[in-house]
Amino acid sequence: MTRQFEAIADALATGCLLAYLYQEGFKLPEWCGSWLFILVPISMIILPSALYKIDNGLFYTIGKSYINLTAAIMYCVTCLFVKGSRLKYLIQSQLFG
């Protein structure tokens, strides 16, 4: 197996989890709408970079999974909290509903 397979499988699994949580009526924590949310994109850069410096294997197993998870969280927050977001309107449109 190649590293690309794991990245694609991770992204698909994250998308499936988000779809399931959406159907179950999952609500994001309140801190996602506060100033603390800035820690998510910062950690998305720092943690995988540190893992890459420590061990490439850690980066490709834990680091890439973390990148996919934080990207999904940022996408959800953008859709829910950013007023006038085109992503929010796309999600609520008939295309996905």
Protein backbone atom coordinates (compact mmCIF):
# COMPACT_ATOMS: atom_id res chain seq x y z
CA MET A 1 0.00 0.00 0.00
CA THR A 2 1.11 3.50 -0.63
CA ARG A 3 0.91 6.62 1.49
CA GLN A 4 -1.67 8.08 -0.88
CA PHE A 5 -4.08 5.25 -0.08
CA GLU A 6 -3.99 5.99 3.63
CA ALA A 7 -4.61 9.68 3.06
CA ILE A 8 -7.61 8.99 0.82
CA ALA A 9 -9.00 6.36 3.20
CA ASP A 10 -8.61 8.81 6.10
CA ALA A 11 -10.42 11.56 4.23
CA LEU A 12 -13.27 9.22 3.29
CA ALA A 13 -13.59 7.96 6.85
CA THR A 14 -13.70 11.53 8.17
CA GLY A 15 -16.41 12.41 5.66
CA CYS A 16 -18.45 9.36 6.62
CA LEU A 17 -18.15 10.22 10.31
CA LEU A 18 -19.29 13.79 9.66
CA ALA A 19 -22.25 12.58 7.60
CA TYR A 20 -23.27 10.22 10.41
CA LEU A 21 -22.95 12.93 13.06
CA TYR A 22 -24.98 15.32 10.91
CA GLN A 23 -27.80 12.78 10.64
CA GLU A 24 -27.73 12.21 14.40
CA GLY A 25 -28.09 15.95 15.10
CA PHE A 26 -24.61 16.38 16.60
CA LYS A 27 -23.88 19.90 17.84
CA LEU A 28 -20.41 21.38 17.81
CA PRO A 29 -18.97 22.50 21.16
CA GLU A 30 -19.39 26.16 22.10
CA TRP A 31 -15.66 26.83 21.91
CA CYS A 32 -15.86 26.34 18.14
CA GLY A 33 -17.61 29.71 17.91
CA SER A 34 -15.20 31.54 20.21
CA TRP A 35 -11.72 32.97 19.88
CA LEU A 36 -10.28 29.64 21.09
CA PHE A 37 -11.03 28.17 17.68
CA ILE A 38 -7.88 29.84 16.34
CA LEU A 39 -5.96 27.02 18.07
CA VAL A 40 -7.38 24.46 15.64
CA PRO A 41 -5.70 25.73 12.42
CA ILE A 42 -2.53 26.57 14.33
CA SER A 43 -2.35 23.03 15.71
CA MET A 44 -3.12 21.71 12.22
CA ILE A 45 0.23 23.09 11.12
CA ILE A 46 2.38 22.62 14.23
CA LEU A 47 1.49 19.10 15.38
CA PRO A 48 1.99 17.29 12.04
CA SER A 49 5.19 19.26 11.40
CA ALA A 50 6.57 18.20 14.77
CA LEU A 51 5.60 14.59 14.11
CA TYR A 52 7.39 14.71 10.76
CA LYS A 53 10.56 15.97 12.45
CA ILE A 54 10.34 13.23 15.11
CA ASP A 55 9.51 10.28 12.84
CA ASN A 56 8.12 10.05 9.31
CA GLY A 57 6.01 7.05 10.28
CA LEU A 58 4.25 9.06 12.98
CA PHE A 59 3.52 11.81 10.49
CA TYR A 60 2.01 9.44 7.94
CA THR A 61 -0.14 7.62 10.51
CA ILE A 62 -1.12 10.19 13.14
CA GLY A 63 -0.22 13.49 11.48
CA LYS A 64 -2.23 13.03 8.29
CA SER A 65 -5.23 11.76 10.24
CA TYR A 66 -5.03 14.84 12.43
CA ILE A 67 -4.86 17.11 9.38
CA ASN A 68 -8.00 15.51 7.93
CA LEU A 69 -9.86 15.77 11.23
CA THR A 70 -8.98 19.42 11.81
CA ALA A 71 -9.82 20.29 8.20
CA ALA A 72 -13.25 18.69 8.67
CA ILE A 73 -13.81 20.61 11.91
CA MET A 74 -12.84 23.89 10.24
CA TYR A 75 -15.21 23.12 7.36
CA CYS A 76 -18.09 22.46 9.78
CA VAL A 77 -17.40 25.63 11.73
CA THR A 78 -17.25 27.66 8.53
CA CYS A 79 -20.61 26.28 7.45
CA LEU A 80 -22.26 26.89 10.83
CA PHE A 81 -20.79 30.11 12.18
CA VAL A 82 -19.67 32.28 9.27
CA LYS A 83 -22.53 34.51 8.20
CA GLY A 84 -23.03 34.66 4.46
CA SER A 85 -20.77 31.67 3.87
CA ARG A 86 -21.28 30.17 0.44
CA LEU A 87 -20.43 26.79 1.93
CA LYS A 88 -23.33 27.16 4.38
CA TYR A 89 -25.77 27.86 1.57
CA LEU A 90 -24.38 24.99 -0.49
CA ILE A 91 -24.89 22.54 2.37
CA GLN A 92 -28.46 23.76 2.92
CA SER A 93 -29.35 23.73 -0.76
CA GLN A 94 -31.52 21.16 -2.50
CA LEU A 95 -28.40 19.66 -4.06
CA PHE A 96 -27.34 18.12 -0.73
CA GLY A 97 -30.70 18.03 1.05
